[in-house]
Amino acid sequence: MFGLDAFHLARIQFAFTVSFHIIFPAITIGLASYLAVLEGLWLKTKNPVWRSLYHFWSKIFAVNFGMGVVSGLVMAYQFGTNWSGFSQFAGSITGPLLTYEVLTAFFLEAGFLGVMLFGWHKVGPGLHFLSTCMVALGTIISTFWILASNSWMQTPQGFEIVNGQVVPVDWFAVVFNPSFPYRLLHMFTAAFLSSALFVAASAAWHLLRDNNTPAIRAMFSMALWMTLIVAPLQALIGDMHGLNTLEHQPAKIAAIEGHWENVPGEPTPLLLFGWPDMAQERTRYGLEIPALGSLILTHSLDKQVPALKEFPAEDRPNSTIVFWSFRLMAGLGMLMILLGIAALWLRKKQRLYDSRPFLRFALWMGPSGLIAILAGWVTTEVGRQPWVVYGLQRTADAVSAHGDLHMSISLLAFFVVYGAVFGVGYSYMIRLIRKGPQDDDPDTSGTPARPLSAVVESFPAEERR
């Protein structure tokens, strides 16, 4: 297929499935906590605005949760089908970590999700609020274990290699490996920020159509406060994560910077733009700022950043990809900070809900958090190459022995099935957003919260035809 062998097709297949999957947990992590806040405000104030927002976003949460579970199961199977070499080598560590995720997080979510979605008038308000909080806690615990597993692959420790297999000797060291705290915080804040931008864009869409209800204004305001707080915090966490990566994965930093060699005695410049050429071992058309690379990455003006030529050619990540994926993530992050600051300024001018250019800006920024997450994961995973477990097992040694034709057919099947299934899910979710919060939401009248009934109830019969 396209002249690619089974190894590269397996990598593309996993990248494709994980890219689809990560979008849904990112939204559910943020929305679950948002729902807990909304229900808490409803219980405290009895303001119907919080109730209508809760029922509105609980439907969208349910759709995302379902698609996240389906896409996650498919992705997990690929460890055995396409990456049996990795499972054989490191399964004694990654297997238990993923099992802990199921036992502590998935079961918790599954146990309380039904009460959360269908129990508004079936259980007491305290128990229902507890259910919402437990689902939110489950998403956080799930993130903890998934990031622990992936972080160990980036910065492995707490193990021995016996007969060609990894054997854990210190589980505390395995879980709390050097990159784990930074990556966990980075993902948490990314999920909350993505959800805030998603909520803000949904509200902006309604405000641009003069649907200026108290519920729409409330969710727009809350989302922008979250953006103002979390976006700068994410930049700070990203800086700390970068310092950690420089210490433990210097080749990844060199590839991100498109930095090939140091001039003796001079600080490292920062390449703003350019085109890293892996064959010619240089970055063409580079636009650089002298000494800024050393200042940002080492917090000094006399230390140099490691260069790609300091590593063997076979150990270098693909700088062309990670150079631009990182800049996409960072550029979107700057726009998020700008959005939060602009919202604060408009609040003071009392024009937050009336400035149509700003509303359009917020609308277009809706998917930016998810795009930044995808760009960040591309930077992380491609930057780890050619290792699947950094410094221990190469990706080429982890792949299963499949033929090119087999991998081509399965990859095409994934394209077709994912496009159909998740295309329908995406379209359905957009229709839910178009409906908007309802003061007379059917969920408040005693019927269970049925996400799939929301679309039918949202549009008149002539439009459904």
Protein backbone atom coordinates (compact mmCIF):
# COMPACT_ATOMS: atom_id res chain seq x y z
CA MET A 1 0.00 0.00 0.00
CA PHE A 2 1.56 3.28 -1.18
CA GLY A 3 4.91 1.48 -1.31
CA LEU A 4 4.99 0.98 2.50
CA ASP A 5 5.99 -2.24 4.20
CA ALA A 6 4.09 -3.98 7.03
CA PHE A 7 6.16 -2.24 9.71
CA HIS A 8 5.27 1.28 8.57
CA LEU A 9 1.65 0.28 7.90
CA ALA A 10 1.39 -1.02 11.48
CA ARG A 11 2.74 2.30 12.77
CA ILE A 12 0.24 4.24 10.65
CA GLN A 13 -2.61 2.03 11.83
CA PHE A 14 -1.78 2.54 15.48
CA ALA A 15 -1.28 6.28 14.97
CA PHE A 16 -4.64 6.47 13.20
CA THR A 17 -6.58 4.61 15.89
CA VAL A 18 -4.93 6.35 18.83
CA SER A 19 -5.48 9.76 17.21
CA PHE A 20 -9.20 9.02 16.93
CA HIS A 21 -9.30 7.69 20.48
CA ILE A 22 -7.50 10.50 22.32
CA ILE A 23 -10.04 13.09 21.21
CA PHE A 24 -12.89 11.50 23.15
CA PRO A 25 -11.17 10.94 26.52
CA ALA A 26 -9.80 14.49 26.34
CA ILE A 27 -13.35 15.83 26.16
CA THR A 28 -14.81 13.43 28.72
CA ILE A 29 -12.10 14.21 31.30
CA GLY A 30 -12.94 17.91 31.18
CA LEU A 31 -16.70 17.52 30.78
CA ALA A 32 -16.99 15.06 33.70
CA SER A 33 -15.46 17.57 36.09
CA TYR A 34 -17.53 20.35 34.51
CA LEU A 35 -20.70 18.34 35.14
CA ALA A 36 -19.72 17.82 38.78
CA VAL A 37 -19.29 21.59 39.16
CA LEU A 38 -22.63 22.30 37.47
CA GLU A 39 -24.53 19.85 39.65
CA GLY A 40 -22.81 21.18 42.76
CA LEU A 41 -23.89 24.71 41.83
CA TRP A 42 -27.43 23.48 41.22
CA LEU A 43 -27.60 21.78 44.62
CA LYS A 44 -26.26 24.89 46.34
CA THR A 45 -28.29 27.59 44.58
CA LYS A 46 -31.27 25.77 42.97
CA ASN A 47 -30.73 28.07 40.00
CA PRO A 48 -32.38 26.34 36.99
CA VAL A 49 -29.56 27.58 34.74
CA TRP A 50 -27.14 25.08 36.27
CA ARG A 51 -29.68 22.28 35.95
CA SER A 52 -30.34 22.93 32.27
CA LEU A 53 -26.60 23.15 31.56
CA TYR A 54 -26.04 19.87 33.39
CA HIS A 55 -28.61 18.01 31.33
CA PHE A 56 -27.39 19.57 28.10
CA TRP A 57 -23.74 18.64 28.60
CA SER A 58 -24.50 15.22 30.12
CA LYS A 59 -25.91 14.12 26.74
CA ILE A 60 -22.77 15.26 24.91
CA PHE A 61 -20.64 13.61 27.59
CA ALA A 62 -22.48 10.32 27.09
CA VAL A 63 -21.85 10.34 23.33
CA ASN A 64 -18.14 11.06 23.84
CA PHE A 65 -17.84 8.46 26.57
CA GLY A 66 -19.35 5.78 24.35
CA MET A 67 -17.13 6.57 21.38
CA GLY A 68 -14.10 6.73 23.66
CA VAL A 69 -14.75 3.25 25.04
CA VAL A 70 -15.23 1.74 21.58
CA SER A 71 -12.11 3.35 20.09
CA GLY A 72 -10.07 2.48 23.18
CA LEU A 73 -10.90 -1.22 23.00
CA VAL A 74 -9.85 -1.39 19.37
CA MET A 75 -6.58 0.35 20.13
CA ALA A 76 -5.81 -1.98 23.05
CA TYR A 77 -6.18 -5.08 20.89
CA GLN A 78 -3.40 -3.86 18.60
CA PHE A 79 -0.81 -4.47 21.30
CA GLY A 80 -1.38 -8.19 20.78
CA THR A 81 -2.18 -8.24 17.07
CA ASN A 82 0.33 -5.78 15.61
CA TRP A 83 2.91 -5.31 18.37
CA SER A 84 3.45 -8.75 19.85
CA GLY A 85 7.19 -8.12 20.15
CA PHE A 86 6.51 -5.21 22.46
CA SER A 87 3.96 -7.19 24.48
CA GLN A 88 6.41 -10.04 24.91
CA PHE A 89 9.24 -7.71 25.92
CA ALA A 90 7.44 -5.23 28.20
CA GLY A 91 4.04 -6.80 28.85
CA SER A 92 4.94 -7.58 32.46
CA ILE A 93 4.91 -3.81 33.10
CA THR A 94 2.37 -2.35 30.68
CA GLY A 95 -0.10 -5.22 31.18
CA PRO A 96 -0.56 -4.72 34.94
CA LEU A 97 -0.69 -0.93 34.56
CA LEU A 98 -3.53 -1.18 32.04
CA THR A 99 -5.23 -3.77 34.26
CA TYR A 100 -5.09 -1.35 37.19
CA GLU A 101 -6.76 1.22 34.94
CA VAL A 102 -9.64 -1.17 34.25
CA LEU A 103 -10.03 -2.26 37.88
CA THR A 104 -9.83 1.18 39.49
CA ALA A 105 -11.19 3.52 36.83
CA PHE A 106 -13.31 1.73 34.24
CA PHE A 107 -15.29 -0.24 36.82
CA LEU A 108 -15.80 2.94 38.85
CA GLU A 109 -17.09 4.83 35.82
CA ALA A 110 -19.27 1.93 34.68
CA GLY A 111 -20.75 1.50 38.15
CA PHE A 112 -21.89 5.09 38.52
CA LEU A 113 -22.44 6.15 34.89
CA GLY A 114 -25.93 4.65 34.70
CA VAL A 115 -27.02 6.47 37.86
CA MET A 116 -25.52 9.70 36.55
CA LEU A 117 -27.26 9.51 33.16
CA PHE A 118 -30.57 7.88 34.08
CA GLY A 119 -31.04 8.50 37.80
CA TRP A 120 -31.93 12.19 38.07
CA HIS A 121 -35.42 11.36 39.41
CA LYS A 122 -34.64 7.79 40.45
CA VAL A 123 -32.25 8.45 43.35
CA GLY A 124 -31.80 11.24 45.86
CA PRO A 125 -29.88 14.40 44.91
CA GLY A 126 -26.96 13.51 47.17
CA LEU A 127 -26.48 10.08 45.63
CA HIS A 128 -26.82 11.48 42.14
CA PHE A 129 -24.20 14.13 42.84
CA LEU A 130 -21.93 11.42 44.28
CA SER A 131 -22.38 9.43 41.07
CA THR A 132 -21.36 12.40 38.95
CA CYS A 133 -18.30 12.97 41.14
CA MET A 134 -17.34 9.29 40.94
CA VAL A 135 -17.53 9.33 37.15
CA ALA A 136 -15.33 12.44 37.13
CA LEU A 137 -12.91 10.75 39.52
CA GLY A 138 -12.87 7.68 37.29
CA THR A 139 -11.75 9.71 34.28
CA ILE A 140 -8.92 11.17 36.36
CA ILE A 141 -7.80 7.78 37.66
CA SER A 142 -7.91 6.36 34.13
CA THR A 143 -5.64 9.15 32.93
CA PHE A 144 -3.27 8.42 35.80
CA TRP A 145 -2.70 4.78 34.78
CA ILE A 146 -2.58 5.39 31.03
CA LEU A 147 0.00 8.14 31.47
CA ALA A 148 1.98 5.99 33.90
CA SER A 149 2.26 3.27 31.26
CA ASN A 150 3.16 5.61 28.43
CA SER A 151 5.58 7.62 30.56
CA TRP A 152 7.41 4.45 31.55
CA MET A 153 7.95 3.77 27.84
CA GLN A 154 9.49 7.25 27.57
CA THR A 155 11.64 7.14 30.72
CA PRO A 156 11.81 3.50 31.94
CA GLN A 157 13.03 2.66 35.42
CA GLY A 158 12.30 0.21 38.26
CA PHE A 159 13.00 -2.93 36.20
CA GLU A 160 15.51 -5.60 35.30
CA ILE A 161 15.91 -7.46 32.01
CA VAL A 162 15.83 -11.23 32.48
CA ASN A 163 16.06 -13.58 29.48
CA GLY A 164 15.27 -10.76 27.10
CA GLN A 165 12.15 -9.64 28.98
CA VAL A 166 11.49 -6.71 31.29
CA VAL A 167 10.82 -7.73 34.90
CA PRO A 168 9.49 -5.12 37.37
CA VAL A 169 11.47 -4.85 40.62
CA ASP A 170 10.10 -1.58 42.02
CA TRP A 171 6.52 -0.67 41.12
CA PHE A 172 6.74 2.73 42.77
CA ALA A 173 9.68 3.57 40.53
CA VAL A 174 7.87 2.14 37.52
CA VAL A 175 4.76 4.27 38.05
CA PHE A 176 6.48 7.45 39.23
CA ASN A 177 9.15 7.44 36.56
CA PRO A 178 10.99 10.71 35.82
CA SER A 179 8.65 12.04 33.12
CA PHE A 180 5.36 10.90 34.66
CA PRO A 181 4.47 13.90 36.88
CA TYR A 182 5.06 16.40 34.08
CA ARG A 183 3.23 14.39 31.44
CA LEU A 184 0.28 13.73 33.77
CA LEU A 185 -0.14 17.42 34.62
CA HIS A 186 0.34 18.37 30.98
CA MET A 187 -2.43 15.99 29.87
CA PHE A 188 -4.81 16.99 32.66
CA THR A 189 -4.53 20.68 31.86
CA ALA A 190 -4.77 19.95 28.13
CA ALA A 191 -8.03 18.06 28.68
CA PHE A 192 -9.54 20.80 30.85
CA LEU A 193 -8.42 23.46 28.38
CA SER A 194 -9.76 21.54 25.38
CA SER A 195 -13.12 21.08 27.08
CA ALA A 196 -13.27 24.75 28.01
CA LEU A 197 -12.61 25.79 24.42
CA PHE A 198 -15.20 23.28 23.21
CA VAL A 199 -17.81 24.69 25.61
CA ALA A 200 -16.88 28.29 24.72
CA ALA A 201 -17.20 27.59 20.99
CA SER A 202 -20.61 25.98 21.50
CA ALA A 203 -21.82 29.04 23.40
CA ALA A 204 -20.29 31.40 20.83
CA TRP A 205 -22.21 29.62 18.06
CA HIS A 206 -25.48 30.29 19.87
CA LEU A 207 -24.57 33.89 20.74
CA LEU A 208 -23.77 34.61 17.10
CA ARG A 209 -27.31 33.49 16.33
CA ASP A 210 -28.74 35.77 19.05
CA ASN A 211 -29.55 32.90 21.38
CA ASN A 212 -28.54 35.03 24.34
CA THR A 213 -30.12 33.05 27.16
CA PRO A 214 -28.80 33.02 30.74
CA ALA A 215 -27.62 29.42 30.27
CA ILE A 216 -25.64 30.26 27.12
CA ARG A 217 -24.09 33.30 28.79
CA ALA A 218 -23.19 31.27 31.88
CA MET A 219 -21.40 28.51 30.01
CA PHE A 220 -19.57 31.04 27.81
CA SER A 221 -18.38 32.96 30.85
CA MET A 222 -17.29 29.87 32.79
CA ALA A 223 -15.39 28.45 29.82
CA LEU A 224 -13.48 31.69 29.26
CA TRP A 225 -12.55 32.00 32.93
CA MET A 226 -11.16 28.47 32.71
CA THR A 227 -9.23 29.37 29.55
CA LEU A 228 -7.77 32.48 31.18
CA ILE A 229 -6.51 30.44 34.14
CA VAL A 230 -5.47 27.17 32.52
CA ALA A 231 -3.82 28.35 29.28
CA PRO A 232 -0.93 30.21 31.01
CA LEU A 233 -0.66 27.35 33.53
CA GLN A 234 -0.30 24.92 30.63
CA ALA A 235 2.56 27.00 29.21
CA LEU A 236 4.35 26.86 32.58
CA ILE A 237 3.87 23.09 32.85
CA GLY A 238 5.07 22.72 29.28
CA ASP A 239 8.27 24.58 30.14
CA MET A 240 8.94 22.24 33.07
CA HIS A 241 8.16 19.25 30.86
CA GLY A 242 10.65 20.54 28.30
CA LEU A 243 13.40 20.74 30.92
CA ASN A 244 12.63 17.17 31.98
CA THR A 245 12.73 15.99 28.37
CA LEU A 246 16.05 17.74 27.82
CA GLU A 247 17.46 15.77 30.74
CA HIS A 248 16.13 12.34 29.81
CA GLN A 249 15.51 12.48 26.04
CA PRO A 250 17.94 15.05 24.62
CA ALA A 251 17.65 13.69 21.06
CA LYS A 252 13.93 14.50 21.12
CA ILE A 253 14.65 18.12 22.10
CA ALA A 254 17.29 18.43 19.38
CA ALA A 255 14.77 17.16 16.82
CA ILE A 256 12.04 19.50 18.08
CA GLU A 257 14.41 22.44 17.73
CA GLY A 258 15.74 21.35 14.34
CA HIS A 259 19.18 21.91 15.86
CA TRP A 260 21.98 20.03 14.12
CA GLU A 261 25.25 21.28 15.59
CA ASN A 262 26.65 23.70 18.15
CA VAL A 263 29.23 26.38 17.55
CA PRO A 264 31.93 26.01 20.24
CA GLY A 265 31.58 28.61 22.99
CA GLU A 266 28.31 30.09 21.67
CA PRO A 267 24.81 29.68 23.14
CA THR A 268 22.22 27.83 21.09
CA PRO A 269 19.91 29.93 18.91
CA LEU A 270 16.17 29.34 18.67
CA LEU A 271 14.91 28.34 15.24
CA LEU A 272 11.47 29.87 14.82
CA PHE A 273 10.81 28.41 11.38
CA GLY A 274 12.60 26.29 8.84
CA TRP A 275 12.57 22.89 7.17
CA PRO A 276 14.71 20.21 8.85
CA ASP A 277 16.27 18.04 6.14
CA MET A 278 17.15 14.62 7.56
CA ALA A 279 19.13 13.60 4.46
CA GLN A 280 21.28 16.74 4.27
CA GLU A 281 21.55 17.03 8.09
CA ARG A 282 20.61 20.69 8.19
CA THR A 283 17.57 22.91 8.61
CA ARG A 284 16.90 24.80 5.44
CA TYR A 285 15.38 28.30 5.28
CA GLY A 286 15.92 28.68 9.02
CA LEU A 287 14.82 31.85 10.82
CA GLU A 288 16.63 31.96 14.15
CA ILE A 289 17.02 34.20 17.19
CA PRO A 290 20.53 34.09 18.68
CA ALA A 291 20.93 32.60 22.18
CA LEU A 292 17.18 32.25 22.77
CA GLY A 293 17.30 28.45 22.48
CA SER A 294 19.72 28.24 25.42
CA LEU A 295 17.64 30.71 27.43
CA ILE A 296 14.36 28.84 26.96
CA LEU A 297 15.64 25.28 27.19
CA THR A 298 18.39 25.60 29.81
CA HIS A 299 17.35 28.87 31.48
CA SER A 300 20.87 30.19 30.95
CA LEU A 301 22.92 32.00 28.30
CA ASP A 302 26.05 29.90 28.56
CA LYS A 303 24.75 26.32 28.25
CA GLN A 304 24.25 24.65 24.90
CA VAL A 305 21.34 22.45 23.81
CA PRO A 306 22.37 19.01 22.50
CA ALA A 307 22.50 18.85 18.69
CA LEU A 308 21.26 16.08 16.39
CA LYS A 309 24.73 15.36 15.02
CA GLU A 310 25.80 14.33 18.51
CA PHE A 311 23.63 11.21 18.12
CA PRO A 312 24.06 8.35 15.64
CA ALA A 313 21.93 8.76 12.55
CA GLU A 314 19.96 5.61 13.37
CA ASP A 315 19.01 7.03 16.79
CA ARG A 316 17.66 10.36 15.58
CA PRO A 317 13.91 11.10 15.59
CA ASN A 318 12.36 12.54 12.45
CA SER A 319 12.99 16.23 13.01
CA THR A 320 10.87 17.30 10.04
CA ILE A 321 7.72 16.00 11.74
CA VAL A 322 8.30 16.96 15.37
CA PHE A 323 9.70 20.39 14.45
CA TRP A 324 6.35 21.40 12.98
CA SER A 325 4.03 19.43 15.26
CA PHE A 326 5.58 21.16 18.27
CA ARG A 327 5.22 24.59 16.66
CA LEU A 328 1.60 23.87 15.85
CA MET A 329 0.95 22.98 19.49
CA ALA A 330 2.85 25.99 20.83
CA GLY A 331 1.27 28.40 18.35
CA LEU A 332 -2.24 27.27 19.29
CA GLY A 333 -1.30 27.61 22.95
CA MET A 334 -0.39 31.26 22.39
CA LEU A 335 -3.73 31.85 20.69
CA MET A 336 -5.49 30.27 23.69
CA ILE A 337 -3.72 32.67 26.04
CA LEU A 338 -4.72 35.54 23.75
CA LEU A 339 -8.33 34.36 23.84
CA GLY A 340 -8.36 34.39 27.64
CA ILE A 341 -6.80 37.85 27.84
CA ALA A 342 -9.16 39.26 25.22
CA ALA A 343 -12.11 37.83 27.16
CA LEU A 344 -10.90 39.53 30.35
CA TRP A 345 -10.58 42.87 28.55
CA LEU A 346 -14.07 42.55 27.07
CA ARG A 347 -15.49 41.73 30.50
CA LYS A 348 -14.21 45.03 31.79
CA LYS A 349 -15.74 46.76 28.78
CA GLN A 350 -19.00 44.80 29.36
CA ARG A 351 -18.91 43.58 25.77
CA LEU A 352 -18.09 39.90 26.31
CA TYR A 353 -21.36 38.65 24.83
CA ASP A 354 -21.74 41.36 22.17
CA SER A 355 -18.41 41.53 20.31
CA ARG A 356 -19.05 39.55 17.15
CA PRO A 357 -15.36 39.45 16.08
CA PHE A 358 -14.50 37.96 19.47
CA LEU A 359 -17.38 35.48 19.27
CA ARG A 360 -16.10 34.33 15.89
CA PHE A 361 -12.60 34.03 17.37
CA ALA A 362 -13.97 31.85 20.20
CA LEU A 363 -15.93 29.76 17.70
CA TRP A 364 -12.91 29.10 15.49
CA MET A 365 -10.81 28.26 18.56
CA GLY A 366 -13.23 25.47 19.51
CA PRO A 367 -11.23 22.58 18.02
CA SER A 368 -7.84 24.16 18.80
CA GLY A 369 -7.43 22.31 22.09
CA LEU A 370 -7.96 18.92 20.46
CA ILE A 371 -5.67 19.82 17.57
CA ALA A 372 -3.00 20.89 20.06
CA ILE A 373 -3.38 17.58 21.94
CA LEU A 374 -2.91 15.62 18.72
CA ALA A 375 0.12 17.74 17.78
CA GLY A 376 1.56 17.23 21.26
CA TRP A 377 1.16 13.46 21.10
CA VAL A 378 2.76 13.40 17.65
CA THR A 379 5.69 15.34 19.10
CA THR A 380 5.96 12.94 22.04
CA GLU A 381 5.62 9.67 20.15
CA VAL A 382 7.52 10.49 16.95
CA GLY A 383 10.17 12.19 19.08
CA ARG A 384 10.69 8.91 20.98
CA GLN A 385 11.58 7.06 17.78
CA PRO A 386 13.31 4.84 16.85
CA TRP A 387 12.52 3.41 20.30
CA VAL A 388 9.25 1.92 21.50
CA VAL A 389 10.73 1.65 25.00
CA TYR A 390 13.29 4.42 25.10
CA GLY A 391 16.82 3.07 25.01
CA LEU A 392 15.68 -0.54 25.49
CA GLN A 393 13.66 -1.79 22.53
CA ARG A 394 13.51 -0.42 19.01
CA THR A 395 10.15 -0.05 17.33
CA ALA A 396 11.27 -2.30 14.47
CA ASP A 397 11.81 -5.11 17.00
CA ALA A 398 8.34 -4.67 18.53
CA VAL A 399 6.18 -5.25 15.46
CA SER A 400 4.38 -8.52 14.72
CA ALA A 401 5.31 -10.63 11.69
CA HIS A 402 2.46 -9.67 9.36
CA GLY A 403 2.51 -9.41 5.60
CA ASP A 404 2.18 -6.18 3.65
CA LEU A 405 -1.15 -7.21 2.11
CA HIS A 406 -2.67 -8.13 5.47
CA MET A 407 -1.72 -4.78 7.00
CA SER A 408 -2.92 -2.87 3.93
CA ILE A 409 -6.36 -4.48 4.04
CA SER A 410 -6.78 -3.96 7.77
CA LEU A 411 -5.68 -0.32 7.52
CA LEU A 412 -8.17 0.37 4.73
CA ALA A 413 -10.88 -1.32 6.79
CA PHE A 414 -10.07 0.98 9.72
CA PHE A 415 -10.34 4.02 7.45
CA VAL A 416 -13.78 2.98 6.20
CA VAL A 417 -15.27 1.80 9.51
CA TYR A 418 -13.92 4.69 11.58
CA GLY A 419 -15.03 7.22 8.99
CA ALA A 420 -18.56 5.81 9.03
CA VAL A 421 -19.01 5.14 12.75
CA PHE A 422 -17.32 8.20 14.16
CA GLY A 423 -18.60 10.39 11.34
CA VAL A 424 -22.13 9.56 12.47
CA GLY A 425 -21.16 10.15 16.10
CA TYR A 426 -19.62 13.50 15.29
CA SER A 427 -22.68 14.59 13.28
CA TYR A 428 -24.96 13.55 16.11
CA MET A 429 -22.95 15.50 18.64
CA ILE A 430 -23.12 18.63 16.46
CA ARG A 431 -26.90 18.30 16.38
CA LEU A 432 -26.97 18.07 20.15
CA ILE A 433 -24.94 21.27 20.37
CA ARG A 434 -27.26 22.99 17.92
CA LYS A 435 -30.18 22.22 20.22
CA GLY A 436 -28.63 24.10 23.12
CA PRO A 437 -29.68 24.06 26.79
CA GLN A 438 -33.44 23.91 27.33
CA ASP A 439 -35.30 25.40 30.28
CA ASP A 440 -37.93 22.67 29.92
CA ASP A 441 -35.40 19.90 29.41
CA PRO A 442 -37.24 16.55 29.37
CA ASP A 443 -34.73 15.11 31.83
CA THR A 444 -36.17 17.34 34.58
CA SER A 445 -39.69 15.95 34.19
CA GLY A 446 -38.99 12.45 35.43
CA THR A 447 -37.87 10.61 32.29
CA PRO A 448 -34.38 9.18 32.15
CA ALA A 449 -31.65 11.13 30.40
CA ARG A 450 -31.63 9.44 27.00
CA PRO A 451 -28.90 10.95 24.78
CA LEU A 452 -30.23 9.30 21.61
CA SER A 453 -33.66 10.84 22.10
CA ALA A 454 -32.33 14.37 22.26
CA VAL A 455 -31.96 14.84 18.51
CA VAL A 456 -35.48 13.64 17.74
CA GLU A 457 -36.87 15.97 20.39
CA SER A 458 -34.73 18.84 19.14
CA PHE A 459 -36.23 19.36 15.70
CA PRO A 460 -39.78 19.65 14.39
CA ALA A 461 -41.23 16.83 12.35
CA GLU A 462 -40.98 18.66 9.04
CA GLU A 463 -37.22 19.20 9.54
CA ARG A 464 -36.67 15.55 10.44
CA ARG A 465 -38.18 14.57 7.11
